[in-house]
């Protein structure tokens, strides 16, 4: 397939396709049309076809999509056909919540370590993984094949820790710290600003109330 630039909007919809197709698989559905998939996802059938055509199409006119095949192929596009070792920096409430989210492992994301600066957390086990102190981070990364690091720490420490991670060879950072990270271009950063999502929700509530006279 010819390489092309795929828009962030298309990439952003792929996990939704994957999730819905997984639900269809669990329900025993073998085939689905773009029209039926559009009703389930609230995305137009035309948009679905355009999105999937970026990667080869996968469907046949009059037949629709083979759910299992499409689920598998989107999983490959998302890189879910291989394992990703990850660590979490920050073992507070958010870090522990992420560590306890078992669905990560079903998608090939394997938590290998938890790190924090709070000595009261040292040795505390979360799903069988003990919390280590930050002093052990560099040595741990040197002796373990870690691809992804999740940051669930205060923004005042995020940049310093991110620099340590990059210097230790980490190439992908899942950033929950409320700050943007200015890192080398070859480091992939996915930032999750929870307050931004809440503000978008607030905006939509305000718009709804205005339109309905509330």
N, C-alpha and C. Protein backbone atom coordinates (compact mmCIF):
# COMPACT_ATOMS: atom_id res chain seq x y z
N UNK A 1 0.85 -1.20 0.00
CA UNK A 1 0.00 0.00 0.00
C UNK A 1 0.88 1.25 0.00
N UNK A 2 0.54 2.19 -0.84
CA UNK A 2 1.32 3.42 -0.92
C UNK A 2 1.22 4.21 0.38
N UNK A 3 2.37 4.68 0.84
CA UNK A 3 2.38 5.44 2.07
C UNK A 3 1.71 6.79 1.85
N UNK A 4 0.87 7.21 2.78
CA UNK A 4 0.22 8.50 2.69
C UNK A 4 0.08 9.07 4.09
N UNK A 5 -0.09 10.37 4.13
CA UNK A 5 -0.27 11.04 5.42
C UNK A 5 -1.71 10.84 5.88
N UNK A 6 -1.88 10.21 7.03
CA UNK A 6 -3.22 9.97 7.57
C UNK A 6 -3.54 11.06 8.58
N UNK A 7 -4.72 11.66 8.47
CA UNK A 7 -5.07 12.77 9.36
C UNK A 7 -5.24 12.28 10.80
N UNK A 8 -5.02 13.19 11.73
CA UNK A 8 -5.18 12.87 13.13
C UNK A 8 -6.63 12.52 13.45
N UNK A 9 -7.57 13.13 12.73
CA UNK A 9 -8.98 12.83 12.96
C UNK A 9 -9.29 11.37 12.64
N UNK A 10 -8.73 10.88 11.52
CA UNK A 10 -8.93 9.47 11.14
C UNK A 10 -8.31 8.56 12.19
N UNK A 11 -7.08 8.85 12.57
CA UNK A 11 -6.38 8.04 13.57
C UNK A 11 -7.17 8.04 14.89
N UNK A 12 -7.75 9.20 15.21
CA UNK A 12 -8.52 9.31 16.44
C UNK A 12 -9.77 8.46 16.44
N UNK A 13 -10.30 8.15 15.25
CA UNK A 13 -11.50 7.32 15.18
C UNK A 13 -11.19 5.83 15.18
N UNK A 14 -9.97 5.45 14.84
CA UNK A 14 -9.63 4.03 14.75
C UNK A 14 -9.88 3.27 16.06
N UNK A 15 -9.50 3.81 17.24
CA UNK A 15 -9.79 3.07 18.47
C UNK A 15 -11.28 2.85 18.68
N UNK A 16 -12.11 3.80 18.23
CA UNK A 16 -13.57 3.61 18.35
C UNK A 16 -14.03 2.48 17.45
N UNK A 17 -13.55 2.44 16.22
CA UNK A 17 -13.88 1.32 15.34
C UNK A 17 -13.49 0.00 15.99
N UNK A 18 -12.29 -0.02 16.52
CA UNK A 18 -11.77 -1.25 17.13
C UNK A 18 -12.64 -1.68 18.30
N UNK A 19 -13.03 -0.72 19.12
CA UNK A 19 -13.85 -1.04 20.29
C UNK A 19 -15.24 -1.56 19.89
N UNK A 20 -15.88 -0.88 18.94
CA UNK A 20 -17.20 -1.30 18.52
C UNK A 20 -17.16 -2.65 17.81
N UNK A 21 -16.14 -2.87 16.99
CA UNK A 21 -16.01 -4.15 16.32
C UNK A 21 -15.79 -5.28 17.33
N UNK A 22 -15.04 -4.98 18.39
CA UNK A 22 -14.85 -5.96 19.45
C UNK A 22 -16.17 -6.33 20.12
N UNK A 23 -17.03 -5.32 20.32
CA UNK A 23 -18.34 -5.58 20.91
C UNK A 23 -19.19 -6.44 19.96
N UNK A 24 -19.09 -6.17 18.66
CA UNK A 24 -19.84 -6.96 17.68
C UNK A 24 -19.35 -8.41 17.68
N UNK A 25 -18.04 -8.58 17.77
CA UNK A 25 -17.48 -9.93 17.84
C UNK A 25 -18.01 -10.68 19.05
N UNK A 26 -18.02 -10.01 20.20
CA UNK A 26 -18.52 -10.64 21.42
C UNK A 26 -19.99 -11.02 21.30
N UNK A 27 -20.71 -10.25 20.46
CA UNK A 27 -22.14 -10.52 20.28
C UNK A 27 -22.39 -11.56 19.19
N UNK A 28 -21.32 -12.06 18.58
CA UNK A 28 -21.46 -13.09 17.57
C UNK A 28 -21.79 -12.59 16.18
N UNK A 29 -21.63 -11.28 15.94
CA UNK A 29 -21.91 -10.72 14.61
C UNK A 29 -20.74 -11.01 13.67
N UNK A 30 -21.02 -11.54 12.50
CA UNK A 30 -19.97 -11.92 11.56
C UNK A 30 -19.75 -10.89 10.47
N UNK A 31 -20.83 -10.24 10.03
CA UNK A 31 -20.72 -9.23 8.98
C UNK A 31 -21.47 -7.99 9.39
N UNK A 32 -21.03 -6.84 8.88
CA UNK A 32 -21.76 -5.60 9.13
C UNK A 32 -21.52 -4.65 7.97
N UNK A 33 -22.54 -3.93 7.58
CA UNK A 33 -22.41 -2.94 6.51
C UNK A 33 -21.94 -1.62 7.10
N UNK A 34 -21.45 -0.74 6.22
CA UNK A 34 -21.03 0.58 6.70
C UNK A 34 -22.24 1.35 7.23
N UNK A 35 -23.42 1.10 6.66
CA UNK A 35 -24.62 1.79 7.14
C UNK A 35 -24.97 1.37 8.57
N UNK A 36 -24.92 0.05 8.82
CA UNK A 36 -25.23 -0.43 10.17
C UNK A 36 -24.17 0.01 11.17
N UNK A 37 -22.91 0.00 10.74
CA UNK A 37 -21.83 0.45 11.62
C UNK A 37 -21.96 1.93 11.92
N UNK A 38 -22.42 2.70 10.94
CA UNK A 38 -22.58 4.15 11.13
C UNK A 38 -23.65 4.45 12.18
N UNK A 39 -24.74 3.64 12.19
CA UNK A 39 -25.80 3.86 13.18
C UNK A 39 -25.28 3.59 14.59
N UNK A 40 -24.43 2.61 14.71
CA UNK A 40 -23.91 2.23 16.02
C UNK A 40 -22.92 3.27 16.53
N UNK A 41 -22.14 3.87 15.60
CA UNK A 41 -21.06 4.76 15.99
C UNK A 41 -21.40 6.24 15.88
N UNK A 42 -22.56 6.55 15.28
CA UNK A 42 -22.93 7.95 15.03
C UNK A 42 -21.90 8.66 14.15
N UNK A 43 -21.38 7.91 13.17
CA UNK A 43 -20.50 8.44 12.14
C UNK A 43 -21.12 8.05 10.81
N UNK A 44 -21.11 8.93 9.81
CA UNK A 44 -21.76 8.60 8.55
C UNK A 44 -21.09 7.42 7.87
N UNK A 45 -21.88 6.67 7.10
CA UNK A 45 -21.34 5.53 6.36
C UNK A 45 -20.25 5.98 5.40
N UNK A 46 -20.45 7.15 4.79
CA UNK A 46 -19.46 7.69 3.87
C UNK A 46 -18.13 7.96 4.59
N UNK A 47 -18.23 8.50 5.81
CA UNK A 47 -17.02 8.78 6.59
C UNK A 47 -16.29 7.49 6.94
N UNK A 48 -17.04 6.46 7.30
CA UNK A 48 -16.43 5.17 7.63
C UNK A 48 -15.68 4.61 6.43
N UNK A 49 -16.34 4.65 5.25
CA UNK A 49 -15.69 4.14 4.05
C UNK A 49 -14.44 4.94 3.71
N UNK A 50 -14.53 6.26 3.85
CA UNK A 50 -13.36 7.11 3.58
C UNK A 50 -12.22 6.80 4.54
N UNK A 51 -12.55 6.64 5.83
CA UNK A 51 -11.54 6.35 6.83
C UNK A 51 -10.82 5.04 6.51
N UNK A 52 -11.60 4.00 6.23
CA UNK A 52 -11.01 2.69 6.00
C UNK A 52 -10.29 2.60 4.66
N UNK A 53 -10.71 3.41 3.70
CA UNK A 53 -10.03 3.43 2.41
C UNK A 53 -8.60 3.95 2.52
N UNK A 54 -8.32 4.70 3.58
CA UNK A 54 -6.94 5.15 3.82
C UNK A 54 -6.00 3.97 4.04
N UNK A 55 -6.57 2.83 4.44
CA UNK A 55 -5.75 1.66 4.78
C UNK A 55 -6.04 0.45 3.87
N UNK A 56 -6.83 0.69 2.81
CA UNK A 56 -7.07 -0.40 1.88
C UNK A 56 -8.52 -0.75 1.68
N UNK A 57 -9.42 -0.23 2.49
CA UNK A 57 -10.85 -0.43 2.30
C UNK A 57 -11.44 -1.54 3.14
N UNK A 58 -11.04 -2.80 2.92
CA UNK A 58 -11.44 -3.97 3.71
C UNK A 58 -12.85 -4.49 3.43
N UNK A 59 -13.68 -3.75 2.70
CA UNK A 59 -15.06 -4.18 2.48
C UNK A 59 -15.34 -4.55 1.04
N UNK A 60 -16.48 -5.18 0.82
CA UNK A 60 -16.92 -5.53 -0.52
C UNK A 60 -18.34 -5.02 -0.70
N UNK A 61 -18.60 -4.38 -1.87
CA UNK A 61 -19.93 -3.84 -2.13
C UNK A 61 -20.96 -4.96 -2.12
N UNK A 62 -22.03 -4.76 -1.38
CA UNK A 62 -23.07 -5.76 -1.29
C UNK A 62 -22.80 -6.83 -0.24
N UNK A 63 -21.62 -6.81 0.33
CA UNK A 63 -21.24 -7.81 1.33
C UNK A 63 -21.00 -7.17 2.68
N UNK A 64 -20.45 -5.95 2.66
CA UNK A 64 -20.10 -5.27 3.90
C UNK A 64 -18.73 -5.69 4.39
N UNK A 65 -18.57 -5.63 5.70
CA UNK A 65 -17.29 -5.94 6.31
C UNK A 65 -17.36 -7.25 7.10
N UNK A 66 -16.33 -8.04 6.96
CA UNK A 66 -16.15 -9.20 7.83
C UNK A 66 -15.66 -8.67 9.17
N UNK A 67 -16.47 -8.80 10.22
CA UNK A 67 -16.17 -8.16 11.50
C UNK A 67 -14.84 -8.63 12.08
N UNK A 68 -14.63 -9.93 12.11
CA UNK A 68 -13.39 -10.46 12.69
C UNK A 68 -12.17 -9.99 11.92
N UNK A 69 -12.26 -10.03 10.58
CA UNK A 69 -11.13 -9.60 9.75
C UNK A 69 -10.84 -8.12 9.96
N UNK A 70 -11.89 -7.30 9.94
CA UNK A 70 -11.69 -5.86 10.09
C UNK A 70 -11.14 -5.52 11.48
N UNK A 71 -11.65 -6.21 12.49
CA UNK A 71 -11.16 -6.03 13.86
C UNK A 71 -9.66 -6.35 13.95
N UNK A 72 -9.27 -7.46 13.32
CA UNK A 72 -7.87 -7.87 13.33
C UNK A 72 -6.99 -6.88 12.59
N UNK A 73 -7.46 -6.42 11.43
CA UNK A 73 -6.65 -5.51 10.61
C UNK A 73 -6.50 -4.14 11.27
N UNK A 74 -7.55 -3.64 11.89
CA UNK A 74 -7.44 -2.35 12.59
C UNK A 74 -6.52 -2.51 13.80
N UNK A 75 -6.59 -3.68 14.45
CA UNK A 75 -5.66 -3.94 15.54
C UNK A 75 -4.21 -3.87 15.08
N UNK A 76 -3.94 -4.40 13.88
CA UNK A 76 -2.58 -4.34 13.33
C UNK A 76 -2.18 -2.90 13.03
N UNK A 77 -3.11 -2.13 12.47
CA UNK A 77 -2.82 -0.72 12.17
C UNK A 77 -2.48 0.04 13.45
N UNK A 78 -3.20 -0.29 14.52
CA UNK A 78 -2.97 0.37 15.81
C UNK A 78 -1.76 -0.19 16.55
N UNK A 79 -1.14 -1.22 15.98
CA UNK A 79 0.03 -1.82 16.62
C UNK A 79 -0.32 -2.73 17.77
N UNK A 80 -1.56 -3.22 17.81
CA UNK A 80 -2.00 -4.06 18.92
C UNK A 80 -1.70 -5.54 18.70
N UNK A 81 -1.05 -5.83 17.58
CA UNK A 81 -0.65 -7.22 17.32
C UNK A 81 0.73 -7.51 17.89
N UNK A 82 1.27 -6.57 18.64
CA UNK A 82 2.55 -6.78 19.31
C UNK A 82 2.44 -6.25 20.74
N UNK A 83 3.36 -6.68 21.59
CA UNK A 83 3.30 -6.28 22.99
C UNK A 83 4.08 -4.99 23.24
N UNK A 84 3.60 -4.21 24.17
CA UNK A 84 4.24 -2.95 24.55
C UNK A 84 4.46 -2.96 26.06
N UNK A 85 5.70 -2.92 26.48
CA UNK A 85 6.02 -2.84 27.91
C UNK A 85 5.96 -1.39 28.35
N UNK A 86 5.35 -1.16 29.51
CA UNK A 86 5.21 0.21 29.98
C UNK A 86 5.45 0.32 31.48
N UNK A 87 5.71 1.54 31.91
CA UNK A 87 5.83 1.85 33.33
C UNK A 87 4.94 3.05 33.63
N UNK A 88 4.65 3.24 34.90
CA UNK A 88 3.90 4.40 35.36
C UNK A 88 4.75 5.17 36.36
N UNK A 89 4.92 6.46 36.10
CA UNK A 89 5.64 7.33 37.02
C UNK A 89 4.60 8.12 37.81
N UNK A 90 4.50 7.85 39.09
CA UNK A 90 3.49 8.47 39.93
C UNK A 90 2.48 7.43 40.37
N UNK A 91 2.58 7.00 41.62
CA UNK A 91 1.71 5.93 42.12
C UNK A 91 0.63 6.48 43.06
N UNK A 92 0.18 7.69 42.76
CA UNK A 92 -0.94 8.26 43.52
C UNK A 92 -2.26 7.68 43.04
N UNK A 93 -3.35 8.41 43.27
CA UNK A 93 -4.66 7.88 42.91
C UNK A 93 -4.80 7.56 41.43
N UNK A 94 -4.35 8.51 40.57
CA UNK A 94 -4.48 8.29 39.13
C UNK A 94 -3.56 7.17 38.67
N UNK A 95 -2.32 7.17 39.15
CA UNK A 95 -1.38 6.13 38.77
C UNK A 95 -1.87 4.75 39.17
N UNK A 96 -2.43 4.64 40.36
CA UNK A 96 -2.94 3.35 40.83
C UNK A 96 -4.18 2.93 40.03
N UNK A 97 -5.00 3.91 39.66
CA UNK A 97 -6.18 3.60 38.85
C UNK A 97 -5.76 3.03 37.49
N UNK A 98 -4.75 3.65 36.89
CA UNK A 98 -4.24 3.14 35.61
C UNK A 98 -3.65 1.74 35.79
N UNK A 99 -2.91 1.54 36.86
CA UNK A 99 -2.28 0.25 37.11
C UNK A 99 -3.32 -0.85 37.30
N UNK A 100 -4.47 -0.49 37.83
CA UNK A 100 -5.52 -1.47 38.08
C UNK A 100 -6.44 -1.70 36.89
N UNK A 101 -6.18 -0.99 35.79
CA UNK A 101 -7.03 -1.13 34.61
C UNK A 101 -6.57 -2.34 33.80
N UNK A 102 -7.19 -3.47 34.05
CA UNK A 102 -6.73 -4.75 33.48
C UNK A 102 -6.88 -4.82 31.97
N UNK A 103 -7.75 -4.00 31.39
CA UNK A 103 -7.99 -4.07 29.95
C UNK A 103 -6.75 -3.71 29.13
N UNK A 104 -5.81 -3.00 29.75
CA UNK A 104 -4.57 -2.69 29.03
C UNK A 104 -3.90 -3.96 28.53
N UNK A 105 -3.84 -4.95 29.41
CA UNK A 105 -3.13 -6.18 29.07
C UNK A 105 -3.82 -6.92 27.93
N UNK A 106 -5.13 -6.83 27.84
CA UNK A 106 -5.86 -7.48 26.76
C UNK A 106 -5.47 -6.89 25.40
N UNK A 107 -5.02 -5.64 25.41
CA UNK A 107 -4.61 -4.99 24.17
C UNK A 107 -3.10 -5.04 23.94
N UNK A 108 -2.40 -5.76 24.81
CA UNK A 108 -0.97 -5.94 24.61
C UNK A 108 -0.08 -4.97 25.36
N UNK A 109 -0.67 -4.16 26.26
CA UNK A 109 0.12 -3.22 27.06
C UNK A 109 0.40 -3.85 28.42
N UNK A 110 1.66 -4.11 28.69
CA UNK A 110 2.04 -4.82 29.90
C UNK A 110 2.77 -3.89 30.86
N UNK A 111 2.17 -3.69 32.02
CA UNK A 111 2.77 -2.84 33.04
C UNK A 111 3.91 -3.59 33.72
N UNK A 112 5.10 -3.01 33.67
CA UNK A 112 6.29 -3.66 34.23
C UNK A 112 6.83 -2.98 35.48
N UNK A 113 6.41 -1.75 35.72
CA UNK A 113 6.94 -1.05 36.89
C UNK A 113 6.14 0.18 37.27
N UNK A 114 6.17 0.50 38.56
CA UNK A 114 5.54 1.70 39.11
C UNK A 114 6.59 2.45 39.93
N UNK A 115 6.61 3.77 39.79
CA UNK A 115 7.62 4.56 40.48
C UNK A 115 6.99 5.77 41.15
N UNK A 116 7.56 6.13 42.31
CA UNK A 116 7.06 7.28 43.05
C UNK A 116 8.18 7.81 43.95
N UNK A 117 7.97 9.02 44.51
CA UNK A 117 8.96 9.61 45.42
C UNK A 117 8.52 9.46 46.87
N UNK A 118 7.29 9.02 47.10
CA UNK A 118 6.76 8.92 48.46
C UNK A 118 7.27 7.64 49.12
N UNK A 119 8.11 7.75 50.14
CA UNK A 119 8.67 6.55 50.78
C UNK A 119 7.62 5.64 51.41
N UNK A 120 6.46 6.19 51.72
CA UNK A 120 5.40 5.36 52.31
C UNK A 120 4.81 4.38 51.30
N UNK A 121 5.04 4.66 50.02
CA UNK A 121 4.53 3.77 48.97
C UNK A 121 5.53 2.71 48.56
N UNK A 122 6.77 2.84 49.01
CA UNK A 122 7.80 1.89 48.58
C UNK A 122 7.43 0.47 48.99
N UNK A 123 7.44 -0.41 48.00
CA UNK A 123 7.13 -1.81 48.25
C UNK A 123 5.66 -2.16 48.23
N UNK A 124 4.79 -1.13 48.21
CA UNK A 124 3.36 -1.40 48.11
C UNK A 124 3.08 -2.08 46.77
N UNK A 125 2.34 -3.15 46.79
CA UNK A 125 2.10 -3.93 45.58
C UNK A 125 0.74 -3.59 44.97
N UNK A 126 0.74 -3.29 43.68
CA UNK A 126 -0.49 -3.01 42.94
C UNK A 126 -0.58 -4.02 41.80
N UNK A 127 -1.56 -4.89 41.91
CA UNK A 127 -1.72 -5.99 40.95
C UNK A 127 -0.42 -6.78 40.79
N UNK A 128 0.24 -6.99 41.90
CA UNK A 128 1.44 -7.80 41.90
C UNK A 128 2.71 -7.06 41.53
N UNK A 129 2.64 -5.76 41.30
CA UNK A 129 3.81 -4.97 40.91
C UNK A 129 4.16 -4.01 42.04
N UNK A 130 5.34 -4.16 42.62
CA UNK A 130 5.72 -3.28 43.74
C UNK A 130 6.09 -1.88 43.28
N UNK A 131 5.74 -0.90 44.08
CA UNK A 131 6.12 0.48 43.80
C UNK A 131 7.59 0.66 44.16
N UNK A 132 8.34 1.20 43.21
CA UNK A 132 9.77 1.47 43.42
C UNK A 132 9.97 2.97 43.59
N UNK A 133 11.09 3.33 44.17
CA UNK A 133 11.43 4.73 44.33
C UNK A 133 12.08 5.26 43.05
N UNK A 134 11.96 6.55 42.84
CA UNK A 134 12.49 7.16 41.62
C UNK A 134 13.99 6.98 41.47
N UNK A 135 14.69 6.79 42.60
CA UNK A 135 16.14 6.57 42.54
C UNK A 135 16.49 5.32 41.74
N UNK A 136 15.53 4.40 41.64
CA UNK A 136 15.77 3.14 40.93
C UNK A 136 15.42 3.22 39.45
N UNK A 137 14.88 4.36 39.01
CA UNK A 137 14.32 4.44 37.66
C UNK A 137 15.36 4.19 36.56
N UNK A 138 16.49 4.88 36.62
CA UNK A 138 17.48 4.76 35.55
C UNK A 138 18.01 3.33 35.45
N UNK A 139 18.28 2.72 36.59
CA UNK A 139 18.79 1.34 36.57
C UNK A 139 17.74 0.39 36.03
N UNK A 140 16.49 0.60 36.42
CA UNK A 140 15.40 -0.25 35.95
C UNK A 140 15.27 -0.16 34.43
N UNK A 141 15.30 1.05 33.90
CA UNK A 141 15.17 1.23 32.46
C UNK A 141 16.35 0.63 31.71
N UNK A 142 17.51 0.65 32.32
CA UNK A 142 18.71 0.10 31.68
C UNK A 142 18.59 -1.41 31.51
N UNK A 143 17.92 -2.07 32.43
CA UNK A 143 17.88 -3.53 32.42
C UNK A 143 16.52 -4.10 31.99
N UNK A 144 15.60 -3.24 31.57
CA UNK A 144 14.29 -3.71 31.12
C UNK A 144 13.92 -3.03 29.80
N UNK A 145 13.28 -3.78 28.95
CA UNK A 145 12.89 -3.28 27.64
C UNK A 145 11.56 -2.56 27.74
N UNK A 146 11.62 -1.27 28.09
CA UNK A 146 10.41 -0.48 28.29
C UNK A 146 10.22 0.47 27.12
N UNK A 147 9.02 0.47 26.58
CA UNK A 147 8.72 1.30 25.40
C UNK A 147 7.92 2.55 25.75
N UNK A 148 7.01 2.42 26.72
CA UNK A 148 6.09 3.51 27.04
C UNK A 148 6.18 3.86 28.52
N UNK A 149 6.16 5.16 28.80
CA UNK A 149 6.10 5.62 30.19
C UNK A 149 4.89 6.54 30.35
N UNK A 150 4.07 6.26 31.36
CA UNK A 150 2.93 7.11 31.67
C UNK A 150 3.32 8.05 32.81
N UNK A 151 3.06 9.34 32.64
CA UNK A 151 3.37 10.33 33.66
C UNK A 151 2.09 10.75 34.37
N UNK A 152 1.97 10.42 35.65
CA UNK A 152 0.82 10.85 36.44
C UNK A 152 1.35 11.61 37.65
N UNK A 153 2.16 12.61 37.38
CA UNK A 153 2.85 13.37 38.43
C UNK A 153 2.54 14.85 38.28
N UNK A 154 2.81 15.66 39.31
CA UNK A 154 2.56 17.10 39.21
C UNK A 154 3.37 17.72 38.06
N UNK A 155 2.80 18.76 37.45
CA UNK A 155 3.46 19.37 36.29
C UNK A 155 4.82 19.96 36.64
N UNK A 156 5.02 20.30 37.90
CA UNK A 156 6.31 20.89 38.31
C UNK A 156 7.46 19.91 38.15
N UNK A 157 7.15 18.61 38.15
CA UNK A 157 8.18 17.58 38.03
C UNK A 157 8.18 16.89 36.66
N UNK A 158 7.15 17.15 35.87
CA UNK A 158 6.96 16.40 34.64
C UNK A 158 8.08 16.58 33.64
N UNK A 159 8.52 17.82 33.45
CA UNK A 159 9.56 18.10 32.44
C UNK A 159 10.88 17.44 32.85
N UNK A 160 11.23 17.55 34.12
CA UNK A 160 12.47 16.94 34.62
C UNK A 160 12.44 15.42 34.43
N UNK A 161 11.34 14.80 34.79
CA UNK A 161 11.22 13.35 34.67
C UNK A 161 11.19 12.93 33.21
N UNK A 162 10.50 13.69 32.37
CA UNK A 162 10.45 13.38 30.94
C UNK A 162 11.84 13.40 30.33
N UNK A 163 12.66 14.35 30.74
CA UNK A 163 14.03 14.43 30.23
C UNK A 163 14.84 13.19 30.64
N UNK A 164 14.63 12.72 31.86
CA UNK A 164 15.31 11.50 32.33
C UNK A 164 14.87 10.30 31.49
N UNK A 165 13.57 10.22 31.22
CA UNK A 165 13.04 9.12 30.43
C UNK A 165 13.63 9.11 29.02
N UNK A 166 13.67 10.29 28.40
CA UNK A 166 14.21 10.39 27.04
C UNK A 166 15.69 10.02 27.02
N UNK A 167 16.43 10.51 28.01
CA UNK A 167 17.86 10.19 28.09
C UNK A 167 18.09 8.69 28.31
N UNK A 168 17.09 8.02 28.86
CA UNK A 168 17.20 6.58 29.12
C UNK A 168 16.65 5.74 27.97
N UNK A 169 16.24 6.40 26.90
CA UNK A 169 15.83 5.67 25.71
C UNK A 169 14.34 5.49 25.51
N UNK A 170 13.51 6.06 26.38
CA UNK A 170 12.06 5.95 26.19
C UNK A 170 11.64 6.78 24.98
N UNK A 171 10.82 6.18 24.12
CA UNK A 171 10.43 6.85 22.89
C UNK A 171 8.94 7.19 22.84
N UNK A 172 8.19 6.83 23.87
CA UNK A 172 6.75 7.12 23.88
C UNK A 172 6.32 7.48 25.30
N UNK A 173 5.68 8.63 25.46
CA UNK A 173 5.25 9.10 26.77
C UNK A 173 3.76 9.41 26.74
N UNK A 174 3.05 8.80 27.70
CA UNK A 174 1.62 9.05 27.89
C UNK A 174 1.52 10.06 29.01
N UNK A 175 1.24 11.29 28.67
CA UNK A 175 1.40 12.40 29.60
C UNK A 175 0.07 12.84 30.21
N UNK A 176 -0.09 12.55 31.51
CA UNK A 176 -1.26 13.00 32.26
C UNK A 176 -0.94 14.23 33.10
N UNK A 177 0.31 14.65 33.11
CA UNK A 177 0.68 15.85 33.84
C UNK A 177 0.08 17.06 33.13
N UNK A 178 -0.38 18.03 33.90
CA UNK A 178 -1.09 19.17 33.29
C UNK A 178 -0.08 20.19 32.77
N UNK A 179 0.71 19.73 31.80
CA UNK A 179 1.67 20.62 31.16
C UNK A 179 2.07 20.00 29.83
N UNK A 180 2.46 20.83 28.88
CA UNK A 180 2.92 20.32 27.59
C UNK A 180 4.41 20.04 27.67
N UNK A 181 4.83 18.98 27.02
CA UNK A 181 6.23 18.57 27.04
C UNK A 181 6.90 18.91 25.71
N UNK A 182 7.99 19.64 25.78
CA UNK A 182 8.75 20.00 24.58
C UNK A 182 9.94 19.06 24.47
N UNK A 183 9.74 17.96 23.76
CA UNK A 183 10.74 16.90 23.69
C UNK A 183 11.22 16.72 22.25
N UNK A 184 12.33 16.00 22.05
CA UNK A 184 12.83 15.78 20.68
C UNK A 184 11.76 15.19 19.77
N UNK A 185 11.86 15.47 18.47
CA UNK A 185 10.84 15.06 17.51
C UNK A 185 10.66 13.55 17.43
N UNK A 186 11.72 12.80 17.77
CA UNK A 186 11.61 11.35 17.66
C UNK A 186 10.97 10.72 18.89
N UNK A 187 10.53 11.54 19.84
CA UNK A 187 9.80 11.04 21.02
C UNK A 187 8.32 11.32 20.82
N UNK A 188 7.51 10.27 20.92
CA UNK A 188 6.07 10.38 20.71
C UNK A 188 5.40 10.70 22.04
N UNK A 189 4.62 11.77 22.06
CA UNK A 189 3.93 12.18 23.29
C UNK A 189 2.42 12.23 23.02
N UNK A 190 1.67 11.54 23.85
CA UNK A 190 0.20 11.62 23.82
C UNK A 190 -0.23 12.23 25.15
N UNK A 191 -0.71 13.47 25.09
CA UNK A 191 -1.09 14.18 26.32
C UNK A 191 -2.58 14.03 26.58
N UNK A 192 -2.91 13.75 27.84
CA UNK A 192 -4.30 13.62 28.26
C UNK A 192 -4.54 14.67 29.34
N UNK A 193 -5.17 15.77 28.96
CA UNK A 193 -5.48 16.83 29.93
C UNK A 193 -6.93 16.66 30.37
N UNK A 194 -7.14 16.08 31.54
CA UNK A 194 -8.50 15.77 32.00
C UNK A 194 -9.35 17.03 32.15
N UNK A 195 -8.73 18.12 32.60
CA UNK A 195 -9.50 19.35 32.78
C UNK A 195 -9.96 19.91 31.44
N UNK A 196 -9.18 19.69 30.36
CA UNK A 196 -9.60 20.15 29.04
C UNK A 196 -10.88 19.46 28.62
N UNK A 197 -10.97 18.15 28.86
CA UNK A 197 -12.19 17.42 28.52
C UNK A 197 -13.37 17.93 29.33
N UNK A 198 -13.12 18.24 30.60
CA UNK A 198 -14.21 18.75 31.45
C UNK A 198 -14.66 20.12 30.96
N UNK A 199 -13.73 20.96 30.51
CA UNK A 199 -14.09 22.28 29.98
C UNK A 199 -14.87 22.16 28.68
N UNK A 200 -14.53 21.18 27.84
CA UNK A 200 -15.31 20.95 26.62
C UNK A 200 -16.74 20.54 26.97
N UNK A 201 -16.85 19.70 28.01
CA UNK A 201 -18.17 19.29 28.46
C UNK A 201 -18.95 20.49 28.97
N UNK A 202 -18.29 21.37 29.71
CA UNK A 202 -18.93 22.57 30.23
C UNK A 202 -19.42 23.46 29.09
N UNK A 203 -18.59 23.58 28.05
CA UNK A 203 -18.98 24.39 26.87
C UNK A 203 -20.24 23.82 26.24
N UNK A 204 -20.27 22.50 26.05
CA UNK A 204 -21.42 21.87 25.41
C UNK A 204 -22.68 21.99 26.26
N UNK A 205 -22.52 21.90 27.58
CA UNK A 205 -23.66 22.09 28.47
C UNK A 205 -24.20 23.51 28.34
N UNK A 206 -23.28 24.49 28.29
CA UNK A 206 -23.68 25.89 28.17
C UNK A 206 -24.42 26.14 26.86
N UNK A 207 -23.89 25.55 25.77
CA UNK A 207 -24.55 25.70 24.46
C UNK A 207 -25.95 25.09 24.50
N UNK A 208 -26.05 23.93 25.08
CA UNK A 208 -27.35 23.24 25.16
C UNK A 208 -28.34 24.08 25.96
N UNK A 209 -27.89 24.61 27.11
CA UNK A 209 -28.78 25.41 27.94
C UNK A 209 -29.23 26.68 27.23
N UNK A 210 -28.32 27.30 26.46
CA UNK A 210 -28.69 28.50 25.71
C UNK A 210 -29.72 28.19 24.64
N UNK A 211 -29.53 27.07 23.93
CA UNK A 211 -30.43 26.71 22.84
C UNK A 211 -31.81 26.30 23.36
N UNK A 212 -31.86 25.82 24.60
CA UNK A 212 -33.13 25.37 25.16
C UNK A 212 -33.68 26.33 26.22
N UNK A 213 -33.10 27.52 26.26
CA UNK A 213 -33.63 28.56 27.15
C UNK A 213 -33.49 28.26 28.63
N UNK A 214 -32.43 27.57 29.00
CA UNK A 214 -32.25 27.25 30.41
C UNK A 214 -31.23 28.16 31.05
